[in-house]
Amino acid sequence: MTGTPAVAFTAAEITDAYAVFHEKVAVMAETGDWTGYADLFTPDAEYVEHAMGTFHGRDEIREWAVRTMTSYPGRVMPGFPISWQVVDAEQGRLVCEVLNPMPDPGDGTMLTEPNITIMTYAGDGLFSREEDVYNPLRFHAMALKWARIAAAHGKADEDVLVWLDKFGGGR
C-alpha cells in the first residue's frame, strides 16, 4: 500500500503513530539493536533510500537497517532529532526533517546533516512506506570529516578506520 490510503486517518493518529515509531527508533539507536526496525512497517512496505536503493518488504528493510545502522557511519549516530514535521492526513503522510548528528570526534567538533523523511501511514501503528531524501555527497563529506578527526584523536574504532581507508584516501 504505497498510494493514497483507502481509509483516511486523522492528523492526530498519524502524529501519534510516528511519535511511537520515533521512540522505538531512539531505543534502537541507543542499544544498537536494529532487528525490530522492519516490524514498524507493514509486511509489504517499501523503503526508498535514494543513495542505497529501494527495499521491499520487511525482510529487505530489516537486512538494510541492520547492515547500515550497525556499521560506520550509521553506527555512531546517537539519535535522530526532528526539527519540524507536517501531516497531510488526506494522503496519510507525515513529512519531517530529521537531523543526523554525530558525536564529538575528539576535538569538540559537532557535525550533523539533515534529511527529509516522508512516511506513509497504513493504520494500526504501522507505516507502509518511508522515503528519505538527502544529499549523499554532504553525508559522505560529514562522515569523512568525522572519521579523520576521530582517527587523529585516537577515537576511531576499527570499522571507522577501515571505512576511512576505503573512502577517505587513507589516514
C-alpha atoms as a PDB file:
ATOM      1  CA  MET A   1       0.000   0.000   0.000  1.00  0.00           C
ATOM      2  CA  THR A   2       2.066   2.919  -1.224  1.00  0.00           C
ATOM      3  CA  GLY A   3      -0.599   5.187  -2.687  1.00  0.00           C
ATOM      4  CA  THR A   4      -3.445   7.116  -1.125  1.00  0.00           C
ATOM      5  CA  PRO A   5      -4.815   5.248   1.893  1.00  0.00           C
ATOM      6  CA  ALA A   6      -8.188   3.523   1.429  1.00  0.00           C
ATOM      7  CA  VAL A   7      -9.255   4.854   4.822  1.00  0.00           C
ATOM      8  CA  ALA A   8      -8.472   8.391   5.865  1.00  0.00           C
ATOM      9  CA  PHE A   9      -6.612   8.786   9.129  1.00  0.00           C
ATOM     10  CA  THR A  10      -6.678  11.810  11.372  1.00  0.00           C
ATOM     11  CA  ALA A  11      -3.628  14.012  11.688  1.00  0.00           C
ATOM     12  CA  ALA A  12      -3.548  13.164  15.396  1.00  0.00           C
ATOM     13  CA  GLU A  13      -3.463   9.411  14.717  1.00  0.00           C
ATOM     14  CA  ILE A  14      -0.633   9.795  12.202  1.00  0.00           C
ATOM     15  CA  THR A  15       1.284  12.128  14.528  1.00  0.00           C
ATOM     16  CA  ASP A  16       0.862   9.773  17.491  1.00  0.00           C
ATOM     17  CA  ALA A  17       1.896   6.725  15.455  1.00  0.00           C
ATOM     18  CA  TYR A  18       5.034   8.481  14.262  1.00  0.00           C
ATOM     19  CA  ALA A  19       5.878   9.581  17.809  1.00  0.00           C
ATOM     20  CA  VAL A  20       5.757   5.920  18.890  1.00  0.00           C
ATOM     21  CA  PHE A  21       7.797   4.940  15.801  1.00  0.00           C
ATOM     22  CA  HIS A  22      10.383   7.599  16.636  1.00  0.00           C
ATOM     23  CA  GLU A  23      10.564   6.499  20.296  1.00  0.00           C
ATOM     24  CA  LYS A  24      11.272   2.922  19.173  1.00  0.00           C
ATOM     25  CA  VAL A  25      13.982   4.136  16.784  1.00  0.00           C
ATOM     26  CA  ALA A  26      15.574   6.049  19.678  1.00  0.00           C
ATOM     27  CA  VAL A  27      15.812   2.800  21.666  1.00  0.00           C
ATOM     28  CA  MET A  28      17.347   1.046  18.649  1.00  0.00           C
ATOM     29  CA  ALA A  29      19.920   3.809  18.258  1.00  0.00           C
ATOM     30  CA  GLU A  30      20.756   3.590  21.973  1.00  0.00           C
ATOM     31  CA  THR A  31      21.031  -0.212  22.104  1.00  0.00           C
ATOM     32  CA  GLY A  32      22.425  -0.803  18.610  1.00  0.00           C
ATOM     33  CA  ASP A  33      19.777  -3.491  18.018  1.00  0.00           C
ATOM     34  CA  TRP A  34      18.046  -2.654  14.736  1.00  0.00           C
ATOM     35  CA  THR A  35      16.420  -6.060  14.150  1.00  0.00           C
ATOM     36  CA  GLY A  36      12.963  -4.723  15.095  1.00  0.00           C
ATOM     37  CA  TYR A  37      13.061  -1.756  12.717  1.00  0.00           C
ATOM     38  CA  ALA A  38      11.248  -3.548   9.899  1.00  0.00           C
ATOM     39  CA  ASP A  39       8.453  -4.524  12.286  1.00  0.00           C
ATOM     40  CA  LEU A  40       7.409  -0.853  12.410  1.00  0.00           C
ATOM     41  CA  PHE A  41       6.211  -1.303   8.811  1.00  0.00           C
ATOM     42  CA  THR A  42       3.530  -3.347   7.074  1.00  0.00           C
ATOM     43  CA  PRO A  43       4.709  -6.709   5.678  1.00  0.00           C
ATOM     44  CA  ASP A  44       4.593  -5.313   2.106  1.00  0.00           C
ATOM     45  CA  ALA A  45       6.166  -1.933   2.927  1.00  0.00           C
ATOM     46  CA  GLU A  46       8.507  -0.048   0.626  1.00  0.00           C
ATOM     47  CA  TYR A  47      11.565   1.844   1.870  1.00  0.00           C
ATOM     48  CA  VAL A  48      13.130   4.292  -0.580  1.00  0.00           C
ATOM     49  CA  GLU A  49      16.713   5.236   0.250  1.00  0.00           C
ATOM     50  CA  HIS A  50      17.978   7.298  -2.668  1.00  0.00           C
ATOM     51  CA  ALA A  51      21.669   6.502  -2.247  1.00  0.00           C
ATOM     52  CA  MET A  52      21.292   2.804  -1.379  1.00  0.00           C
ATOM     53  CA  GLY A  53      18.216   1.610  -3.226  1.00  0.00           C
ATOM     54  CA  THR A  54      14.591   0.695  -2.693  1.00  0.00           C
ATOM     55  CA  PHE A  55      13.744  -2.128  -0.333  1.00  0.00           C
ATOM     56  CA  HIS A  56      10.513  -4.123  -0.495  1.00  0.00           C
ATOM     57  CA  GLY A  57       9.008  -5.958   2.437  1.00  0.00           C
ATOM     58  CA  ARG A  58      10.168  -6.430   5.973  1.00  0.00           C
ATOM     59  CA  ASP A  59      12.998  -8.846   5.173  1.00  0.00           C
ATOM     60  CA  GLU A  60      14.747  -6.425   2.793  1.00  0.00           C
ATOM     61  CA  ILE A  61      14.111  -3.467   5.107  1.00  0.00           C
ATOM     62  CA  ARG A  62      15.454  -5.391   8.113  1.00  0.00           C
ATOM     63  CA  GLU A  63      18.600  -6.523   6.276  1.00  0.00           C
ATOM     64  CA  TRP A  64      19.300  -2.959   5.101  1.00  0.00           C
ATOM     65  CA  ALA A  65      18.630  -1.393   8.527  1.00  0.00           C
ATOM     66  CA  VAL A  66      20.796  -3.859  10.445  1.00  0.00           C
ATOM     67  CA  ARG A  67      23.666  -3.621   7.940  1.00  0.00           C
ATOM     68  CA  THR A  68      23.546   0.172   7.678  1.00  0.00           C
ATOM     69  CA  MET A  69      22.909   1.124  11.281  1.00  0.00           C
ATOM     70  CA  THR A  70      25.404  -1.290  12.865  1.00  0.00           C
ATOM     71  CA  SER A  71      28.369  -0.154  10.771  1.00  0.00           C
ATOM     72  CA  TYR A  72      30.076   3.199  10.323  1.00  0.00           C
ATOM     73  CA  PRO A  73      28.783   5.875   9.863  1.00  0.00           C
ATOM     74  CA  GLY A  74      25.229   4.924  10.911  1.00  0.00           C
ATOM     75  CA  ARG A  75      26.525   3.115  13.994  1.00  0.00           C
ATOM     76  CA  VAL A  76      27.909   6.278  15.591  1.00  0.00           C
ATOM     77  CA  MET A  77      24.836   8.467  15.149  1.00  0.00           C
ATOM     78  CA  PRO A  78      23.399   8.706  18.677  1.00  0.00           C
ATOM     79  CA  GLY A  79      19.901   9.821  17.688  1.00  0.00           C
ATOM     80  CA  PHE A  80      17.721  11.368  15.056  1.00  0.00           C
ATOM     81  CA  PRO A  81      16.064  14.523  16.382  1.00  0.00           C
ATOM     82  CA  ILE A  82      13.238  16.013  14.356  1.00  0.00           C
ATOM     83  CA  SER A  83      13.459  19.730  13.651  1.00  0.00           C
ATOM     84  CA  TRP A  84       9.969  20.048  12.140  1.00  0.00           C
ATOM     85  CA  GLN A  85       7.099  17.945  10.836  1.00  0.00           C
ATOM     86  CA  VAL A  86       3.827  18.361   8.974  1.00  0.00           C
ATOM     87  CA  VAL A  87       0.979  15.941   8.402  1.00  0.00           C
ATOM     88  CA  ASP A  88      -1.140  15.535   5.283  1.00  0.00           C
ATOM     89  CA  ALA A  89      -3.965  13.446   6.739  1.00  0.00           C
ATOM     90  CA  GLU A  90      -5.787  13.217   3.419  1.00  0.00           C
ATOM     91  CA  GLN A  91      -2.793  11.398   1.892  1.00  0.00           C
ATOM     92  CA  GLY A  92      -1.907   9.605   5.131  1.00  0.00           C
ATOM     93  CA  ARG A  93       1.567  11.141   5.173  1.00  0.00           C
ATOM     94  CA  LEU A  94       3.875  12.730   7.671  1.00  0.00           C
ATOM     95  CA  VAL A  95       6.821  14.720   6.334  1.00  0.00           C
ATOM     96  CA  CYS A  96       9.634  15.796   8.614  1.00  0.00           C
ATOM     97  CA  GLU A  97      13.208  16.984   8.712  1.00  0.00           C
ATOM     98  CA  VAL A  98      15.402  14.561  10.623  1.00  0.00           C
ATOM     99  CA  LEU A  99      18.812  15.647  11.862  1.00  0.00           C
ATOM    100  CA  ASN A 100      21.632  13.100  11.817  1.00  0.00           C
ATOM    101  CA  PRO A 101      24.153  14.321  14.391  1.00  0.00           C
ATOM    102  CA  MET A 102      27.466  12.661  15.053  1.00  0.00           C
ATOM    103  CA  PRO A 103      29.100  12.757  18.482  1.00  0.00           C
ATOM    104  CA  ASP A 104      32.215  14.763  19.310  1.00  0.00           C
ATOM    105  CA  PRO A 105      35.048  13.030  17.402  1.00  0.00           C
ATOM    106  CA  GLY A 106      37.621  14.197  19.934  1.00  0.00           C
ATOM    107  CA  ASP A 107      38.120  17.902  19.348  1.00  0.00           C
ATOM    108  CA  GLY A 108      34.685  19.335  20.129  1.00  0.00           C
ATOM    109  CA  THR A 109      33.511  19.404  16.513  1.00  0.00           C
ATOM    110  CA  MET A 110      29.763  18.955  16.170  1.00  0.00           C
ATOM    111  CA  LEU A 111      28.585  17.626  12.809  1.00  0.00           C
ATOM    112  CA  THR A 112      25.082  16.930  11.512  1.00  0.00           C
ATOM    113  CA  GLU A 113      23.303  16.665   8.191  1.00  0.00           C
ATOM    114  CA  PRO A 114      19.537  16.732   7.703  1.00  0.00           C
ATOM    115  CA  ASN A 115      17.274  14.597   5.589  1.00  0.00           C
ATOM    116  CA  ILE A 116      13.639  14.921   4.676  1.00  0.00           C
ATOM    117  CA  THR A 117      11.625  11.836   5.580  1.00  0.00           C
ATOM    118  CA  ILE A 118       8.252  11.084   4.034  1.00  0.00           C
ATOM    119  CA  MET A 119       6.247   8.463   5.935  1.00  0.00           C
ATOM    120  CA  THR A 120       3.011   6.911   4.641  1.00  0.00           C
ATOM    121  CA  TYR A 121       0.747   5.674   7.398  1.00  0.00           C
ATOM    122  CA  ALA A 122      -1.159   2.395   6.972  1.00  0.00           C
ATOM    123  CA  GLY A 123      -3.070   2.239  10.247  1.00  0.00           C
ATOM    124  CA  ASP A 124      -2.671   0.109  13.368  1.00  0.00           C
ATOM    125  CA  GLY A 125       0.528   1.986  14.221  1.00  0.00           C
ATOM    126  CA  LEU A 126       2.339   0.754  11.082  1.00  0.00           C
ATOM    127  CA  PHE A 127       3.749   2.564   8.083  1.00  0.00           C
ATOM    128  CA  SER A 128       3.630   1.262   4.516  1.00  0.00           C
ATOM    129  CA  ARG A 129       6.347   3.466   3.065  1.00  0.00           C
ATOM    130  CA  GLU A 130       9.318   5.563   4.055  1.00  0.00           C
ATOM    131  CA  GLU A 131      11.346   7.743   1.736  1.00  0.00           C
ATOM    132  CA  ASP A 132      14.482   9.537   2.875  1.00  0.00           C
ATOM    133  CA  VAL A 133      15.613  12.454   0.730  1.00  0.00           C
ATOM    134  CA  TYR A 134      19.051  13.952   1.296  1.00  0.00           C
ATOM    135  CA  ASN A 135      22.324  14.873  -0.354  1.00  0.00           C
ATOM    136  CA  PRO A 136      24.568  11.785  -0.153  1.00  0.00           C
ATOM    137  CA  LEU A 137      27.662  13.840  -1.014  1.00  0.00           C
ATOM    138  CA  ARG A 138      27.118  16.008   2.058  1.00  0.00           C
ATOM    139  CA  PHE A 139      26.616  12.917   4.227  1.00  0.00           C
ATOM    140  CA  HIS A 140      29.816  11.400   2.846  1.00  0.00           C
ATOM    141  CA  ALA A 141      31.742  14.622   3.493  1.00  0.00           C
ATOM    142  CA  MET A 142      30.425  14.721   7.084  1.00  0.00           C
ATOM    143  CA  ALA A 143      31.358  11.076   7.715  1.00  0.00           C
ATOM    144  CA  LEU A 144      34.796  11.632   6.182  1.00  0.00           C
ATOM    145  CA  LYS A 145      35.472  14.718   8.294  1.00  0.00           C
ATOM    146  CA  TRP A 146      34.304  12.943  11.459  1.00  0.00           C
ATOM    147  CA  ALA A 147      36.427   9.849  10.726  1.00  0.00           C
ATOM    148  CA  ARG A 148      39.569  11.890  10.043  1.00  0.00           C
ATOM    149  CA  ILE A 149      39.180  13.895  13.259  1.00  0.00           C
ATOM    150  CA  ALA A 150      38.358  10.778  15.310  1.00  0.00           C
ATOM    151  CA  ALA A 151      41.401   8.955  13.873  1.00  0.00           C
ATOM    152  CA  ALA A 152      43.668  11.919  14.640  1.00  0.00           C
ATOM    153  CA  HIS A 153      42.447  11.903  18.263  1.00  0.00           C
ATOM    154  CA  GLY A 154      42.580   8.134  18.788  1.00  0.00           C
ATOM    155  CA  LYS A 155      38.769   7.928  18.956  1.00  0.00           C
ATOM    156  CA  ALA A 156      38.161   5.857  15.803  1.00  0.00           C
ATOM    157  CA  ASP A 157      37.113   2.230  16.157  1.00  0.00           C
ATOM    158  CA  GLU A 158      38.430  -0.341  13.680  1.00  0.00           C
ATOM    159  CA  ASP A 159      35.388  -0.103  11.392  1.00  0.00           C
ATOM    160  CA  VAL A 160      35.844   3.672  11.203  1.00  0.00           C
ATOM    161  CA  LEU A 161      39.492   3.213  10.192  1.00  0.00           C
ATOM    162  CA  VAL A 162      38.552   0.595   7.586  1.00  0.00           C
ATOM    163  CA  TRP A 163      35.876   2.945   6.216  1.00  0.00           C
ATOM    164  CA  LEU A 164      38.396   5.802   6.170  1.00  0.00           C
ATOM    165  CA  ASP A 165      40.924   3.685   4.261  1.00  0.00           C
ATOM    166  CA  LYS A 166      38.238   2.642   1.763  1.00  0.00           C
ATOM    167  CA  PHE A 167      36.537   6.006   1.201  1.00  0.00           C
ATOM    168  CA  GLY A 168      38.836   8.668   2.516  1.00  0.00           C
ATOM    169  CA  GLY A 169      42.171   8.133   0.838  1.00  0.00           C
ATOM    170  CA  GLY A 170      43.836   6.694   3.928  1.00  0.00           C
ATOM    171  CA  ARG A 171      44.571   8.000   7.344  1.00  0.00           C
END
